[in-house]
Amino acid sequence: MRISKASLITPGANGLYGTAAVALSLFVFAYSTRFGPISILSYYGLWLPLILVDYRKVLGSYGKCLWIFAFAVFACVTMFWSAAPGVTLRTGIQYLSHIVCALIAMRTIDIRTLARGAVVGVTIVLLYSLLFGVHHYDPLDGTYSFVGAFASKNQLGFYASLGVYFAFVALFTLGERGMWMAAAGVAGAISGYSLFASQSATSVITTVAIVGLGLGMRAIAALRPANRQALFLAITAFGGIAAVALTYGGALDVVLGAFGKNSTLTGRTYLWQEGIEAAKVSPIFGMGYQAYWVQGFSEAERLWEEFYITARSGFHFHNTYIETAVETGLIGLVLLSLVLLVVVFGHLKRVLSAERHVEAMVLFCISVLLLIRSFVEIDILTPYHVGSFLLYFSAGKLTVVRRQPALTWIGPARPSAHGHQFMT
């Protein structure tokens, strides 16, 4: 049986390949440190060969993507003044090529395929962690927590958050039926259990917030565009006032206390202070991308020892903006923040102005999840991470002009005459 080459790169017609590629990519992102370079090569092997099928269609026009590549290019340039130039050059090229793969995925798969691939991928990732995972003792708060096959409960919690969200998307936004409805239910159940087992306050809070946002955006999108904007502004203003009132009323301490945390966020506030001091050493250009946490460097060694990081790797300032400022200075901070903010507000604009733009609604919620987590994690700053993959996938979608009606979310899926799936 011959398979049409076009079926590999046409969104909606390549559901089987696209779902498998996304699922395997998520597994690589989760466990590349366990399986080594061969897993990274398999990730590249999923996306880069598609260029050979039709490079014009797969790559598109990168003239529209200069703002997307700006930070990665600058990260590579920091090699020239980096404290560890070899590390900076290697990881900079990895980050740049990672973006290319995300943009190839963006041009070759649709939102339904992304959701299905995420459902399958997260399920496999979490099952692997449940089967082969371990509990770690945290000397900072004196508790044991389940970290799965990861080195951090926060990463386990992040994948669980994605599993819950994409299960929600599959069931309530895309209206999956039959096999995929069952798969989404299983993924949601496994993700919910893993989220509870991880005891990650960050992941639990952001999961509740993002599912709530998804429900809210679905309700808003059911209105006419003119009414959506007024309602969204009203909800945003009310939510902002309520958040400030609850914060000053001590609600934050109550929530943190429920997870056994205190106002220092298990030492993160001290870590942030150390990062701010480190950023002052080279505030404009930084000390080099990925050049701070290097074995043998005195400040990194000191913080590893203070936070009981015996592996002397895989640690960071637990804040995207501080980490970025330390490594790439104010220039890098502005460039990366620009990408994140453009993605958030770009998809929000589409949700509020376009008729039933489900793709934008799904990606807007993902971008908000990444924005919230950016204050306590560095999901979008490193290569081979699901956070940076989803960020640049979402960014790339903003460069594509929509020529067909978007998905609606009521009723079962059915194929159109052109092979694309729509909702009735």
Protein backbone atom coordinates (compact mmCIF):
# COMPACT_ATOMS: atom_id res chain seq x y z
CA MET A 1 0.00 0.00 0.00
CA ARG A 2 1.41 3.38 -1.02
CA ILE A 3 1.02 6.35 1.32
CA SER A 4 0.71 9.79 -0.22
CA LYS A 5 3.53 12.08 0.88
CA ALA A 6 1.06 14.93 1.19
CA SER A 7 -0.85 12.94 3.82
CA LEU A 8 2.17 13.23 6.13
CA ILE A 9 2.19 17.03 6.16
CA THR A 10 -1.43 18.04 5.64
CA PRO A 11 -3.10 19.09 8.90
CA GLY A 12 -6.18 16.97 9.56
CA ALA A 13 -5.19 14.30 7.03
CA ASN A 14 -2.14 13.07 8.95
CA GLY A 15 -3.90 12.31 12.22
CA LEU A 16 -2.22 8.96 12.85
CA TYR A 17 1.33 10.16 12.18
CA GLY A 18 0.81 13.49 13.91
CA THR A 19 -0.67 11.90 17.02
CA ALA A 20 2.21 9.43 17.28
CA ALA A 21 4.81 12.15 16.67
CA VAL A 22 3.40 14.42 19.38
CA ALA A 23 3.09 11.52 21.85
CA LEU A 24 6.67 10.35 21.28
CA SER A 25 7.95 13.92 21.48
CA LEU A 26 6.36 14.34 24.91
CA PHE A 27 7.95 11.11 26.09
CA VAL A 28 11.37 12.34 24.90
CA PHE A 29 10.86 15.70 26.64
CA ALA A 30 10.02 13.90 29.86
CA TYR A 31 12.83 11.35 29.94
CA SER A 32 15.63 12.46 27.62
CA THR A 33 17.96 12.65 30.62
CA ARG A 34 17.26 8.96 31.27
CA PHE A 35 17.53 7.65 27.72
CA GLY A 36 20.27 9.97 26.49
CA PRO A 37 21.16 11.28 23.02
CA ILE A 38 19.35 8.48 21.17
CA SER A 39 16.02 9.82 22.43
CA ILE A 40 16.87 13.34 21.24
CA LEU A 41 17.81 12.01 17.82
CA SER A 42 14.48 10.21 17.62
CA TYR A 43 12.74 13.51 18.37
CA TYR A 44 14.53 15.19 15.49
CA GLY A 45 13.74 12.15 13.35
CA LEU A 46 10.02 12.72 13.87
CA TRP A 47 9.93 16.27 12.53
CA LEU A 48 12.98 17.24 10.44
CA PRO A 49 12.50 14.58 7.70
CA LEU A 50 9.13 16.16 6.88
CA ILE A 51 11.11 18.96 5.25
CA LEU A 52 12.09 16.51 2.50
CA VAL A 53 8.43 15.91 1.63
CA ASP A 54 7.70 19.53 0.73
CA TYR A 55 10.10 22.05 2.21
CA ARG A 56 8.07 25.08 1.09
CA LYS A 57 4.94 23.90 2.85
CA VAL A 58 6.67 22.47 5.92
CA LEU A 59 8.99 25.42 6.59
CA GLY A 60 6.78 28.20 5.30
CA SER A 61 8.05 31.77 5.31
CA TYR A 62 10.38 32.43 8.23
CA GLY A 63 10.23 36.13 7.44
CA LYS A 64 7.10 36.23 9.59
CA CYS A 65 8.87 34.39 12.40
CA LEU A 66 11.79 36.68 13.13
CA TRP A 67 10.28 37.67 16.49
CA ILE A 68 9.98 33.98 17.34
CA PHE A 69 13.66 33.25 16.65
CA ALA A 70 15.04 36.46 18.17
CA PHE A 71 15.70 35.12 21.67
CA ALA A 72 17.21 31.83 20.46
CA VAL A 73 19.56 33.67 18.09
CA PHE A 74 20.64 36.04 20.85
CA ALA A 75 21.18 33.07 23.18
CA CYS A 76 23.65 31.66 20.65
CA VAL A 77 25.36 35.05 20.29
CA THR A 78 26.01 35.18 24.06
CA MET A 79 28.66 32.54 23.40
CA PHE A 80 31.10 35.37 22.62
CA TRP A 81 31.11 36.63 26.21
CA SER A 82 29.84 33.53 27.99
CA ALA A 83 31.54 32.25 31.13
CA ALA A 84 31.16 28.77 29.59
CA PRO A 85 31.20 29.31 25.80
CA GLY A 86 31.11 25.64 24.89
CA VAL A 87 27.99 25.04 26.98
CA THR A 88 26.33 28.17 25.63
CA LEU A 89 26.98 27.32 21.98
CA ARG A 90 25.77 23.73 22.33
CA THR A 91 22.59 24.50 24.24
CA GLY A 92 21.89 27.58 22.10
CA ILE A 93 21.95 25.48 18.93
CA GLN A 94 19.78 22.86 20.64
CA TYR A 95 17.24 25.51 21.61
CA LEU A 96 17.20 26.96 18.10
CA SER A 97 16.71 23.57 16.46
CA HIS A 98 14.03 22.75 19.03
CA ILE A 99 12.11 25.83 17.87
CA VAL A 100 12.42 24.71 14.26
CA CYS A 101 10.87 21.34 15.18
CA ALA A 102 8.03 23.07 17.03
CA LEU A 103 7.33 25.26 14.00
CA ILE A 104 7.36 22.22 11.69
CA ALA A 105 4.84 20.58 14.00
CA MET A 106 2.77 23.77 13.95
CA ARG A 107 2.55 23.75 10.15
CA THR A 108 1.82 20.05 9.78
CA ILE A 109 -0.71 19.22 12.52
CA ASP A 110 -4.01 20.76 13.61
CA ILE A 111 -5.30 21.37 17.11
CA ARG A 112 -7.23 18.10 17.27
CA THR A 113 -4.12 16.10 16.44
CA LEU A 114 -2.12 18.04 19.02
CA ALA A 115 -4.73 17.30 21.69
CA ARG A 116 -4.88 13.61 20.80
CA GLY A 117 -1.11 13.32 20.77
CA ALA A 118 -0.92 15.06 24.15
CA VAL A 119 -3.55 12.72 25.61
CA VAL A 120 -1.62 9.66 24.45
CA GLY A 121 1.81 11.09 25.26
CA VAL A 122 0.97 12.27 28.78
CA THR A 123 -0.70 8.93 29.54
CA ILE A 124 2.46 7.04 28.52
CA VAL A 125 4.69 9.44 30.44
CA LEU A 126 2.67 9.17 33.63
CA LEU A 127 2.23 5.40 33.39
CA TYR A 128 6.01 5.07 33.09
CA SER A 129 6.42 7.22 36.19
CA LEU A 130 3.82 5.28 38.14
CA LEU A 131 5.50 1.98 37.23
CA PHE A 132 9.13 2.99 37.72
CA GLY A 133 8.92 6.12 39.85
CA VAL A 134 10.28 6.78 43.32
CA HIS A 135 9.68 9.00 46.33
CA HIS A 136 12.19 11.69 47.24
CA TYR A 137 12.85 13.27 50.60
CA ASP A 138 12.90 17.06 50.59
CA PRO A 139 15.32 18.26 53.30
CA LEU A 140 14.00 21.82 53.02
CA ASP A 141 10.47 21.05 54.23
CA GLY A 142 11.09 17.60 55.71
CA THR A 143 8.54 15.77 53.57
CA TYR A 144 8.52 12.83 51.19
CA SER A 145 6.90 13.30 47.81
CA PHE A 146 6.36 11.16 44.76
CA VAL A 147 8.50 12.40 41.86
CA GLY A 148 7.84 9.52 39.48
CA ALA A 149 10.63 8.94 36.99
CA PHE A 150 11.52 12.64 37.12
CA ALA A 151 14.01 14.41 39.35
CA SER A 152 11.36 16.85 40.56
CA LYS A 153 7.77 16.57 41.72
CA ASN A 154 7.06 19.84 39.92
CA GLN A 155 7.83 18.27 36.54
CA LEU A 156 5.62 15.29 37.34
CA GLY A 157 2.95 17.78 38.36
CA PHE A 158 3.38 19.73 35.12
CA TYR A 159 2.73 16.68 32.96
CA ALA A 160 -0.24 15.81 35.16
CA SER A 161 -1.56 19.35 34.66
CA LEU A 162 -1.23 18.99 30.89
CA GLY A 163 -2.98 15.63 31.05
CA VAL A 164 -5.95 17.06 32.93
CA TYR A 165 -6.16 20.06 30.60
CA PHE A 166 -5.94 18.13 27.32
CA ALA A 167 -8.45 15.58 28.61
CA PHE A 168 -10.76 18.53 29.30
CA VAL A 169 -10.10 19.91 25.81
CA ALA A 170 -10.79 16.56 24.15
CA LEU A 171 -14.06 15.99 26.01
CA PHE A 172 -15.58 19.44 26.37
CA THR A 173 -13.98 21.62 23.69
CA LEU A 174 -13.39 19.27 20.75
CA GLY A 175 -16.25 16.96 21.67
CA GLU A 176 -14.39 13.70 21.07
CA ARG A 177 -16.50 10.55 20.91
CA GLY A 178 -15.91 6.81 20.96
CA MET A 179 -12.32 5.65 21.36
CA TRP A 180 -10.92 9.12 21.88
CA MET A 181 -13.49 10.00 24.50
CA ALA A 182 -12.47 6.87 26.42
CA ALA A 183 -8.77 7.70 25.96
CA ALA A 184 -9.34 11.22 27.29
CA GLY A 185 -11.19 9.81 30.30
CA VAL A 186 -8.33 7.44 31.10
CA ALA A 187 -5.76 10.22 30.63
CA GLY A 188 -7.74 12.53 32.91
CA ALA A 189 -8.01 9.90 35.63
CA ILE A 190 -4.31 8.99 35.53
CA SER A 191 -3.33 12.66 35.43
CA GLY A 192 -5.60 13.51 38.34
CA TYR A 193 -4.09 10.74 40.45
CA SER A 194 -0.54 11.75 39.49
CA LEU A 195 -1.32 15.36 40.33
CA PHE A 196 -2.49 14.34 43.78
CA ALA A 197 0.51 12.03 44.29
CA SER A 198 3.01 14.73 43.30
CA GLN A 199 1.80 17.11 46.03
CA SER A 200 3.00 19.98 43.83
CA ALA A 201 1.22 23.13 44.99
CA THR A 202 2.21 24.95 41.80
CA SER A 203 0.74 22.27 39.56
CA VAL A 204 -2.49 21.82 41.53
CA ILE A 205 -3.20 25.55 41.66
CA THR A 206 -2.40 26.13 37.99
CA THR A 207 -4.45 23.11 36.92
CA VAL A 208 -7.54 24.38 38.73
CA ALA A 209 -6.96 27.85 37.29
CA ILE A 210 -6.49 26.69 33.71
CA VAL A 211 -9.50 24.37 33.67
CA GLY A 212 -11.57 27.18 35.15
CA LEU A 213 -10.23 29.52 32.46
CA GLY A 214 -11.13 26.97 29.79
CA LEU A 215 -14.70 26.81 31.03
CA GLY A 216 -14.88 30.58 31.20
CA MET A 217 -13.49 31.08 27.71
CA ARG A 218 -15.92 28.52 26.32
CA ALA A 219 -18.81 30.48 27.83
CA ILE A 220 -17.42 33.78 26.55
CA ALA A 221 -16.82 32.37 23.06
CA ALA A 222 -20.49 31.39 22.84
CA LEU A 223 -21.37 35.10 22.71
CA ARG A 224 -21.13 37.45 19.77
CA PRO A 225 -17.65 39.00 19.36
CA ALA A 226 -18.85 42.47 20.37
CA ASN A 227 -20.22 41.15 23.66
CA ARG A 228 -17.22 38.93 24.39
CA GLN A 229 -14.80 41.81 24.82
CA ALA A 230 -16.99 43.70 27.28
CA LEU A 231 -17.66 40.57 29.34
CA PHE A 232 -14.00 39.57 29.34
CA LEU A 233 -12.91 43.02 30.52
CA ALA A 234 -15.52 42.97 33.27
CA ILE A 235 -14.48 39.49 34.47
CA THR A 236 -10.78 40.45 34.33
CA ALA A 237 -11.37 43.61 36.38
CA PHE A 238 -13.46 41.76 38.96
CA GLY A 239 -10.96 38.90 39.13
CA GLY A 240 -8.05 41.28 39.62
CA ILE A 241 -9.76 43.12 42.46
CA ALA A 242 -10.80 39.84 44.09
CA ALA A 243 -7.25 38.45 43.81
CA VAL A 244 -5.76 41.53 45.48
CA ALA A 245 -8.37 41.42 48.25
CA LEU A 246 -7.82 37.72 48.90
CA THR A 247 -4.05 38.16 48.93
CA TYR A 248 -4.19 40.94 51.50
CA GLY A 249 -6.78 38.94 53.42
CA GLY A 250 -4.34 36.08 53.95
CA ALA A 251 -5.82 33.66 51.42
CA LEU A 252 -2.39 32.98 49.92
CA ASP A 253 -1.01 31.81 53.26
CA VAL A 254 -4.04 29.56 53.74
CA VAL A 255 -3.56 27.96 50.31
CA LEU A 256 0.17 27.49 50.86
CA GLY A 257 -0.47 26.06 54.31
CA ALA A 258 -2.79 23.45 52.80
CA PHE A 259 0.20 22.13 50.86
CA GLY A 260 2.61 22.39 53.78
CA LYS A 261 4.28 25.50 52.36
CA ASN A 262 5.11 28.86 53.90
CA SER A 263 5.60 32.39 52.62
CA THR A 264 9.18 31.59 51.53
CA LEU A 265 7.82 28.99 49.05
CA THR A 266 10.30 26.39 50.36
CA GLY A 267 13.29 28.64 49.96
CA ARG A 268 12.39 30.06 46.57
CA THR A 269 12.28 33.66 47.76
CA TYR A 270 15.87 33.33 48.98
CA LEU A 271 16.82 31.75 45.65
CA TRP A 272 15.19 34.65 43.80
CA GLN A 273 17.23 37.13 45.82
CA GLU A 274 20.40 35.27 44.92
CA GLY A 275 19.39 35.31 41.26
CA ILE A 276 18.71 39.04 41.28
CA GLU A 277 22.17 39.65 42.76
CA ALA A 278 23.72 37.40 40.10
CA ALA A 279 21.88 39.30 37.33
CA LYS A 280 23.45 42.58 38.53
CA VAL A 281 26.91 41.31 37.56
CA SER A 282 26.10 41.68 33.84
CA PRO A 283 22.66 43.31 33.65
CA ILE A 284 22.54 44.08 29.91
CA PHE A 285 24.04 41.03 28.17
CA GLY A 286 24.07 38.39 30.91
CA MET A 287 26.81 35.87 31.62
CA GLY A 288 25.86 33.53 28.77
CA TYR A 289 22.95 31.24 27.99
CA GLN A 290 23.00 28.21 30.32
CA ALA A 291 26.37 29.39 31.68
CA TYR A 292 25.50 29.85 35.35
CA TRP A 293 24.74 26.32 36.56
CA VAL A 294 28.06 24.83 35.52
CA GLN A 295 30.05 22.45 37.70
CA GLY A 296 33.16 24.11 39.10
CA PHE A 297 31.65 27.61 39.19
CA SER A 298 31.75 28.84 42.78
CA GLU A 299 28.29 30.43 43.03
CA ALA A 300 26.55 27.46 41.45
CA GLU A 301 28.43 25.07 43.73
CA ARG A 302 27.46 27.14 46.78
CA LEU A 303 23.75 27.11 45.94
CA TRP A 304 23.80 23.41 45.10
CA GLU A 305 25.25 22.74 48.53
CA GLU A 306 22.79 25.02 50.32
CA PHE A 307 19.81 23.35 48.63
CA TYR A 308 21.18 19.80 48.98
CA ILE A 309 21.49 19.23 45.22
CA THR A 310 23.99 16.38 45.35
CA ALA A 311 23.75 15.71 41.61
CA ARG A 312 25.05 19.27 40.97
CA SER A 313 22.82 19.64 37.91
CA GLY A 314 19.20 20.19 36.95
CA PHE A 315 18.76 23.20 39.24
CA HIS A 316 17.66 26.76 38.50
CA PHE A 317 16.30 29.93 40.09
CA HIS A 318 12.68 28.78 39.84
CA ASN A 319 11.70 31.92 37.97
CA THR A 320 11.89 32.32 34.19
CA TYR A 321 12.57 36.05 34.28
CA ILE A 322 15.33 35.92 36.89
CA GLU A 323 16.98 32.95 35.16
CA THR A 324 16.78 34.69 31.80
CA ALA A 325 18.20 37.93 33.19
CA VAL A 326 21.14 36.09 34.77
CA GLU A 327 22.00 34.22 31.57
CA THR A 328 21.07 36.67 28.80
CA GLY A 329 20.63 39.99 30.56
CA LEU A 330 17.99 42.61 29.91
CA ILE A 331 18.16 42.04 26.16
CA GLY A 332 17.34 38.36 26.43
CA LEU A 333 14.68 39.03 29.06
CA VAL A 334 12.87 41.43 26.74
CA LEU A 335 13.10 39.10 23.74
CA LEU A 336 11.76 36.03 25.57
CA SER A 337 9.06 37.99 27.40
CA LEU A 338 7.98 39.43 24.04
CA VAL A 339 7.35 35.95 22.65
CA LEU A 340 5.32 34.87 25.68
CA LEU A 341 3.21 38.03 25.83
CA VAL A 342 2.55 38.11 22.08
CA VAL A 343 1.35 34.51 22.26
CA VAL A 344 -0.98 35.22 25.19
CA PHE A 345 -2.52 38.39 23.78
CA GLY A 346 -2.42 37.22 20.17
CA HIS A 347 -4.58 34.18 20.85
CA LEU A 348 -6.77 36.17 23.23
CA LYS A 349 -7.48 38.63 20.43
CA ARG A 350 -8.49 35.77 18.15
CA VAL A 351 -10.79 34.29 20.79
CA LEU A 352 -12.52 37.61 21.40
CA SER A 353 -12.86 38.66 17.77
CA ALA A 354 -13.18 35.53 15.61
CA GLU A 355 -16.19 33.30 15.22
CA ARG A 356 -15.72 30.15 17.31
CA HIS A 357 -11.93 30.01 17.02
CA VAL A 358 -11.37 26.84 19.03
CA GLU A 359 -7.68 26.58 18.11
CA ALA A 360 -7.04 30.02 19.60
CA MET A 361 -9.09 29.18 22.68
CA VAL A 362 -7.06 26.02 23.37
CA LEU A 363 -3.72 27.70 22.74
CA PHE A 364 -4.67 30.77 24.76
CA CYS A 365 -5.26 28.60 27.83
CA ILE A 366 -1.95 26.81 27.27
CA SER A 367 -0.12 30.13 26.99
CA VAL A 368 -1.73 31.38 30.20
CA LEU A 369 -0.64 28.17 31.94
CA LEU A 370 2.93 28.81 30.78
CA LEU A 371 2.68 32.45 31.86
CA ILE A 372 1.53 31.54 35.37
CA ARG A 373 4.21 28.88 35.75
CA SER A 374 6.90 31.24 34.44
CA PHE A 375 6.99 32.95 37.84
CA VAL A 376 8.02 29.75 39.63
CA GLU A 377 9.54 27.51 36.90
CA ILE A 378 11.59 27.84 33.69
CA ASP A 379 9.47 25.66 31.38
CA ILE A 380 10.01 27.85 28.29
CA LEU A 381 13.71 28.56 28.69
CA THR A 382 15.33 25.22 27.89
CA PRO A 383 15.45 22.93 24.83
CA TYR A 384 13.68 19.57 24.72
CA HIS A 385 11.01 20.68 27.16
CA VAL A 386 7.27 20.37 26.61
CA GLY A 387 6.78 23.95 27.82
CA SER A 388 9.03 25.53 25.19
CA PHE A 389 7.61 23.21 22.50
CA LEU A 390 4.05 24.33 23.26
CA LEU A 391 5.08 27.99 23.47
CA TYR A 392 6.67 28.05 20.02
CA PHE A 393 3.93 25.86 18.55
CA SER A 394 1.42 28.44 19.79
CA ALA A 395 3.57 31.33 18.57
CA GLY A 396 3.84 29.83 15.10
CA LYS A 397 0.06 29.47 14.81
CA LEU A 398 -0.22 33.26 15.07
CA THR A 399 1.72 33.59 11.81
CA VAL A 400 -0.74 31.39 9.91
CA VAL A 401 -3.74 33.10 8.34
CA ARG A 402 -6.87 31.07 8.93
CA ARG A 403 -8.57 30.26 5.63
CA GLN A 404 -11.25 27.88 6.91
CA PRO A 405 -13.89 28.04 9.63
CA ALA A 406 -12.56 27.03 13.00
CA LEU A 407 -13.87 24.09 14.98
CA THR A 408 -16.97 24.51 17.07
CA TRP A 409 -17.41 22.44 20.18
CA ILE A 410 -20.90 20.98 20.23
CA GLY A 411 -21.65 17.52 18.92
CA PRO A 412 -19.57 14.61 17.60
CA ALA A 413 -16.72 15.00 15.14
CA ARG A 414 -17.30 14.26 11.48
CA PRO A 415 -14.93 14.54 8.49
CA SER A 416 -15.49 17.27 5.95
CA ALA A 417 -15.34 16.81 2.23
CA HIS A 418 -11.69 17.82 2.30
CA GLY A 419 -10.69 15.35 4.99
CA HIS A 420 -10.57 17.90 7.84
CA GLN A 421 -12.59 17.30 10.98
CA PHE A 422 -15.21 19.75 12.13
CA MET A 423 -17.86 19.66 14.81
CA THR A 424 -21.56 19.72 14.16
